[in-house]
Amino acid sequence: MADEPEPKGPTAEPEFSREVAAQAARKRKARRTPAPGVWFGLGMTGLVGWSVAIPTLLGTALGLWLDRRHPGTHSWTLALMVAGLVLGSFNAWRWVAKEADAINGGTDGTDE
């Protein structure tokens, strides 16, 4: 039947105990390390923005210089601006992923 209670064998209680212990460890860790504030979020936003803007501007500047020195049928400015944008976006994504992993305390978020 569908309304049967779960079996209360010797494996059910230790599993429950582990879950409760893991939850208690997460609570203790959360109390020790307070949540980041508004300034942290604004700082991270600025850092991510600059990590994308700097490579894009450097690629654009190099492209302008190459277009003046070696004119051709293709625009170095556009190509290097897109390359800088891609490089900066990848760098920002990697940095944000690393910071998120550090804030969450690893892959599963439990104390070890």
N, C-alpha and C. Protein backbone atom coordinates (compact mmCIF):
# COMPACT_ATOMS: atom_id res chain seq x y z
N MET A 1 0.82 -1.18 0.00
CA MET A 1 0.00 0.00 0.00
C MET A 1 0.87 1.25 0.00
N ALA A 2 0.30 2.33 -0.42
CA ALA A 2 1.05 3.57 -0.53
C ALA A 2 1.23 4.26 0.82
N ASP A 3 0.35 3.96 1.80
CA ASP A 3 0.42 4.64 3.09
C ASP A 3 1.25 3.88 4.12
N GLU A 4 2.03 2.92 3.67
CA GLU A 4 2.83 2.15 4.61
C GLU A 4 3.97 3.02 5.14
N PRO A 5 4.27 2.94 6.43
CA PRO A 5 5.39 3.72 6.98
C PRO A 5 6.71 3.18 6.46
N GLU A 6 7.71 4.05 6.47
CA GLU A 6 9.04 3.64 6.02
C GLU A 6 9.60 2.62 7.00
N PRO A 7 10.38 1.69 6.50
CA PRO A 7 10.95 0.68 7.41
C PRO A 7 11.88 1.33 8.42
N LYS A 8 11.73 0.89 9.65
CA LYS A 8 12.56 1.43 10.73
C LYS A 8 13.63 0.43 11.10
N GLY A 9 14.46 0.12 10.13
CA GLY A 9 15.52 -0.83 10.36
C GLY A 9 16.75 -0.15 10.94
N PRO A 10 17.81 -0.89 11.08
CA PRO A 10 19.04 -0.35 11.66
C PRO A 10 19.70 0.70 10.76
N THR A 11 19.35 0.76 9.46
CA THR A 11 19.99 1.74 8.58
C THR A 11 19.27 3.07 8.57
N ALA A 12 18.01 3.12 8.95
CA ALA A 12 17.24 4.37 8.89
C ALA A 12 17.72 5.38 9.92
N GLU A 13 18.01 4.96 11.13
CA GLU A 13 18.40 5.89 12.17
C GLU A 13 19.79 6.49 11.97
N PRO A 14 20.83 5.72 11.61
CA PRO A 14 22.14 6.35 11.38
C PRO A 14 22.11 7.35 10.22
N GLU A 15 21.32 7.08 9.18
CA GLU A 15 21.23 8.01 8.06
C GLU A 15 20.61 9.33 8.52
N PHE A 16 19.56 9.23 9.33
CA PHE A 16 18.91 10.41 9.88
C PHE A 16 19.88 11.19 10.76
N SER A 17 20.66 10.47 11.56
CA SER A 17 21.64 11.11 12.44
C SER A 17 22.70 11.86 11.63
N ARG A 18 23.13 11.27 10.52
CA ARG A 18 24.12 11.94 9.67
C ARG A 18 23.55 13.20 9.06
N GLU A 19 22.30 13.15 8.63
CA GLU A 19 21.66 14.33 8.04
C GLU A 19 21.53 15.45 9.07
N VAL A 20 21.13 15.10 10.29
CA VAL A 20 21.00 16.10 11.34
C VAL A 20 22.37 16.68 11.69
N ALA A 21 23.39 15.84 11.77
CA ALA A 21 24.73 16.32 12.08
C ALA A 21 25.25 17.25 10.98
N ALA A 22 24.99 16.91 9.72
CA ALA A 22 25.43 17.76 8.61
C ALA A 22 24.71 19.10 8.65
N GLN A 23 23.42 19.09 8.95
CA GLN A 23 22.67 20.34 9.05
C GLN A 23 23.18 21.20 10.20
N ALA A 24 23.48 20.59 11.32
CA ALA A 24 24.02 21.34 12.46
C ALA A 24 25.38 21.94 12.13
N ALA A 25 26.20 21.19 11.40
CA ALA A 25 27.52 21.71 11.00
C ALA A 25 27.35 22.91 10.06
N ARG A 26 26.41 22.84 9.14
CA ARG A 26 26.16 23.97 8.25
C ARG A 26 25.69 25.20 9.02
N LYS A 27 24.85 25.00 10.03
CA LYS A 27 24.38 26.12 10.85
C LYS A 27 25.53 26.75 11.62
N ARG A 28 26.41 25.92 12.20
CA ARG A 28 27.56 26.45 12.94
C ARG A 28 28.47 27.25 12.02
N LYS A 29 28.69 26.74 10.82
CA LYS A 29 29.54 27.44 9.87
C LYS A 29 28.91 28.76 9.45
N ALA A 30 27.60 28.78 9.25
CA ALA A 30 26.90 30.01 8.86
C ALA A 30 26.99 31.06 9.96
N ARG A 31 26.95 30.63 11.20
CA ARG A 31 27.06 31.58 12.32
C ARG A 31 28.47 32.16 12.43
N ARG A 32 29.48 31.34 12.12
CA ARG A 32 30.87 31.80 12.19
C ARG A 32 31.19 32.78 11.07
N THR A 33 30.66 32.55 9.88
CA THR A 33 30.96 33.40 8.73
C THR A 33 29.67 34.09 8.29
N PRO A 34 29.51 35.37 8.63
CA PRO A 34 28.29 36.07 8.26
C PRO A 34 28.19 36.25 6.74
N ALA A 35 26.98 36.47 6.27
CA ALA A 35 26.74 36.67 4.84
C ALA A 35 27.40 37.95 4.36
N PRO A 36 27.92 37.96 3.14
CA PRO A 36 28.53 39.18 2.62
C PRO A 36 27.50 40.30 2.51
N GLY A 37 27.95 41.52 2.72
CA GLY A 37 27.04 42.67 2.72
C GLY A 37 26.86 43.27 1.34
N VAL A 38 26.20 44.41 1.34
CA VAL A 38 25.90 45.11 0.10
C VAL A 38 27.19 45.60 -0.56
N TRP A 39 28.13 46.08 0.24
CA TRP A 39 29.37 46.60 -0.33
C TRP A 39 30.16 45.50 -1.02
N PHE A 40 30.10 44.30 -0.48
CA PHE A 40 30.78 43.18 -1.12
C PHE A 40 30.19 42.92 -2.50
N GLY A 41 28.86 42.95 -2.60
CA GLY A 41 28.20 42.75 -3.89
C GLY A 41 28.53 43.83 -4.89
N LEU A 42 28.55 45.09 -4.43
CA LEU A 42 28.91 46.19 -5.32
C LEU A 42 30.37 46.09 -5.76
N GLY A 43 31.23 45.71 -4.84
CA GLY A 43 32.64 45.54 -5.20
C GLY A 43 32.84 44.43 -6.21
N MET A 44 32.12 43.33 -6.03
CA MET A 44 32.25 42.22 -6.97
C MET A 44 31.72 42.63 -8.35
N THR A 45 30.63 43.38 -8.37
CA THR A 45 30.08 43.83 -9.65
C THR A 45 31.10 44.71 -10.37
N GLY A 46 31.73 45.63 -9.62
CA GLY A 46 32.75 46.48 -10.23
C GLY A 46 33.94 45.69 -10.71
N LEU A 47 34.37 44.71 -9.95
CA LEU A 47 35.52 43.90 -10.33
C LEU A 47 35.23 43.08 -11.58
N VAL A 48 34.03 42.52 -11.65
CA VAL A 48 33.65 41.74 -12.83
C VAL A 48 33.59 42.67 -14.05
N GLY A 49 33.03 43.86 -13.87
CA GLY A 49 32.95 44.80 -14.98
C GLY A 49 34.32 45.20 -15.51
N TRP A 50 35.24 45.50 -14.59
CA TRP A 50 36.58 45.87 -15.02
C TRP A 50 37.32 44.70 -15.65
N SER A 51 37.07 43.49 -15.16
CA SER A 51 37.77 42.34 -15.73
C SER A 51 37.31 42.04 -17.16
N VAL A 52 36.14 42.55 -17.54
CA VAL A 52 35.69 42.43 -18.92
C VAL A 52 36.12 43.66 -19.73
N ALA A 53 36.03 44.84 -19.12
CA ALA A 53 36.31 46.09 -19.85
C ALA A 53 37.78 46.23 -20.23
N ILE A 54 38.69 45.89 -19.32
CA ILE A 54 40.13 46.09 -19.58
C ILE A 54 40.61 45.29 -20.80
N PRO A 55 40.36 43.96 -20.88
CA PRO A 55 40.81 43.24 -22.08
C PRO A 55 40.13 43.74 -23.36
N THR A 56 38.86 44.15 -23.25
CA THR A 56 38.17 44.66 -24.43
C THR A 56 38.83 45.96 -24.92
N LEU A 57 39.12 46.87 -24.00
CA LEU A 57 39.77 48.13 -24.38
C LEU A 57 41.19 47.90 -24.90
N LEU A 58 41.92 46.99 -24.28
CA LEU A 58 43.27 46.69 -24.76
C LEU A 58 43.24 46.08 -26.17
N GLY A 59 42.30 45.17 -26.40
CA GLY A 59 42.15 44.60 -27.74
C GLY A 59 41.77 45.65 -28.77
N THR A 60 40.90 46.57 -28.39
CA THR A 60 40.50 47.64 -29.30
C THR A 60 41.67 48.56 -29.61
N ALA A 61 42.43 48.91 -28.59
CA ALA A 61 43.59 49.79 -28.80
C ALA A 61 44.63 49.12 -29.69
N LEU A 62 44.91 47.86 -29.45
CA LEU A 62 45.86 47.14 -30.29
C LEU A 62 45.34 47.04 -31.72
N GLY A 63 44.04 46.80 -31.87
CA GLY A 63 43.44 46.73 -33.20
C GLY A 63 43.53 48.05 -33.95
N LEU A 64 43.29 49.16 -33.26
CA LEU A 64 43.42 50.48 -33.90
C LEU A 64 44.86 50.72 -34.36
N TRP A 65 45.81 50.36 -33.50
CA TRP A 65 47.22 50.53 -33.85
C TRP A 65 47.58 49.68 -35.07
N LEU A 66 47.13 48.42 -35.09
CA LEU A 66 47.41 47.54 -36.23
C LEU A 66 46.73 48.04 -37.51
N ASP A 67 45.51 48.55 -37.39
CA ASP A 67 44.82 49.07 -38.58
C ASP A 67 45.54 50.28 -39.16
N ARG A 68 46.14 51.11 -38.31
CA ARG A 68 46.88 52.27 -38.82
C ARG A 68 48.22 51.86 -39.44
N ARG A 69 48.87 50.87 -38.83
CA ARG A 69 50.19 50.44 -39.31
C ARG A 69 50.09 49.52 -40.53
N HIS A 70 49.12 48.61 -40.52
CA HIS A 70 48.99 47.61 -41.59
C HIS A 70 47.55 47.55 -42.08
N PRO A 71 47.15 48.54 -42.88
CA PRO A 71 45.76 48.53 -43.36
C PRO A 71 45.52 47.33 -44.28
N GLY A 72 44.32 46.79 -44.19
CA GLY A 72 43.97 45.63 -45.01
C GLY A 72 42.48 45.60 -45.25
N THR A 73 42.01 44.47 -45.76
CA THR A 73 40.58 44.34 -46.06
C THR A 73 39.77 44.03 -44.80
N HIS A 74 40.41 43.43 -43.81
CA HIS A 74 39.71 43.08 -42.56
C HIS A 74 40.09 44.06 -41.45
N SER A 75 39.15 44.29 -40.56
CA SER A 75 39.36 45.22 -39.46
C SER A 75 39.98 44.49 -38.26
N TRP A 76 41.23 44.87 -37.94
CA TRP A 76 41.87 44.34 -36.75
C TRP A 76 41.16 44.84 -35.50
N THR A 77 40.64 46.05 -35.57
CA THR A 77 39.99 46.64 -34.40
C THR A 77 38.81 45.80 -33.96
N LEU A 78 37.95 45.47 -34.90
CA LEU A 78 36.77 44.67 -34.57
C LEU A 78 37.15 43.28 -34.08
N ALA A 79 38.08 42.65 -34.76
CA ALA A 79 38.48 41.29 -34.40
C ALA A 79 39.10 41.24 -33.00
N LEU A 80 39.99 42.17 -32.71
CA LEU A 80 40.65 42.15 -31.41
C LEU A 80 39.74 42.65 -30.30
N MET A 81 38.78 43.51 -30.63
CA MET A 81 37.81 43.92 -29.63
C MET A 81 36.95 42.72 -29.21
N VAL A 82 36.50 41.93 -30.17
CA VAL A 82 35.71 40.73 -29.85
C VAL A 82 36.56 39.72 -29.09
N ALA A 83 37.82 39.56 -29.49
CA ALA A 83 38.71 38.63 -28.77
C ALA A 83 38.91 39.08 -27.33
N GLY A 84 39.08 40.38 -27.11
CA GLY A 84 39.22 40.91 -25.74
C GLY A 84 37.95 40.71 -24.94
N LEU A 85 36.80 40.89 -25.59
CA LEU A 85 35.52 40.68 -24.91
C LEU A 85 35.35 39.23 -24.49
N VAL A 86 35.70 38.31 -25.38
CA VAL A 86 35.59 36.88 -25.06
C VAL A 86 36.56 36.51 -23.94
N LEU A 87 37.79 36.99 -24.04
CA LEU A 87 38.79 36.69 -23.01
C LEU A 87 38.38 37.27 -21.66
N GLY A 88 37.90 38.50 -21.65
CA GLY A 88 37.47 39.13 -20.40
C GLY A 88 36.26 38.44 -19.80
N SER A 89 35.31 38.03 -20.64
CA SER A 89 34.12 37.33 -20.15
C SER A 89 34.50 35.98 -19.54
N PHE A 90 35.39 35.26 -20.21
CA PHE A 90 35.84 33.98 -19.67
C PHE A 90 36.55 34.17 -18.34
N ASN A 91 37.40 35.19 -18.26
CA ASN A 91 38.12 35.48 -17.02
C ASN A 91 37.15 35.83 -15.89
N ALA A 92 36.16 36.65 -16.18
CA ALA A 92 35.17 37.04 -15.17
C ALA A 92 34.36 35.83 -14.72
N TRP A 93 33.95 34.99 -15.65
CA TRP A 93 33.17 33.80 -15.31
C TRP A 93 33.98 32.88 -14.40
N ARG A 94 35.25 32.70 -14.74
CA ARG A 94 36.10 31.82 -13.93
C ARG A 94 36.29 32.38 -12.52
N TRP A 95 36.48 33.69 -12.42
CA TRP A 95 36.68 34.32 -11.11
C TRP A 95 35.42 34.24 -10.26
N VAL A 96 34.26 34.51 -10.87
CA VAL A 96 33.00 34.44 -10.13
C VAL A 96 32.73 33.01 -9.68
N ALA A 97 33.01 32.02 -10.51
CA ALA A 97 32.82 30.63 -10.12
C ALA A 97 33.72 30.26 -8.95
N LYS A 98 34.96 30.75 -8.96
CA LYS A 98 35.89 30.47 -7.86
C LYS A 98 35.40 31.12 -6.57
N GLU A 99 34.94 32.36 -6.65
CA GLU A 99 34.43 33.04 -5.47
C GLU A 99 33.16 32.38 -4.93
N ALA A 100 32.28 31.96 -5.82
CA ALA A 100 31.05 31.28 -5.38
C ALA A 100 31.39 29.97 -4.69
N ASP A 101 32.39 29.26 -5.21
CA ASP A 101 32.81 28.01 -4.58
C ASP A 101 33.40 28.27 -3.20
N ALA A 102 34.15 29.36 -3.06
CA ALA A 102 34.74 29.71 -1.77
C ALA A 102 33.66 30.12 -0.78
N ILE A 103 32.66 30.85 -1.25
CA ILE A 103 31.57 31.28 -0.36
C ILE A 103 30.75 30.08 0.09
N ASN A 104 30.50 29.16 -0.81
CA ASN A 104 29.71 27.99 -0.47
C ASN A 104 30.51 26.94 0.30
N GLY A 105 31.78 27.14 0.42
CA GLY A 105 32.61 26.22 1.22
C GLY A 105 32.89 24.91 0.55
N GLY A 106 33.04 24.88 -0.74
CA GLY A 106 33.33 23.66 -1.46
C GLY A 106 32.16 23.23 -2.30
N THR A 107 32.20 21.98 -2.73
CA THR A 107 31.17 21.49 -3.66
C THR A 107 29.85 21.17 -2.96
N ASP A 108 29.90 20.63 -1.72
CA ASP A 108 28.66 20.24 -1.07
C ASP A 108 28.26 21.16 0.07
N GLY A 109 29.09 22.12 0.42
CA GLY A 109 28.73 23.11 1.43
C GLY A 109 28.80 22.63 2.87
N THR A 110 29.43 21.48 3.15
CA THR A 110 29.51 20.97 4.51
C THR A 110 30.92 21.17 5.05
N ASP A 111 31.02 21.21 6.36
CA ASP A 111 32.33 21.28 7.02
C ASP A 111 33.04 19.95 6.91
N GLU A 112 34.33 19.99 6.72
CA GLU A 112 35.07 18.73 6.67
C GLU A 112 36.16 18.74 7.70
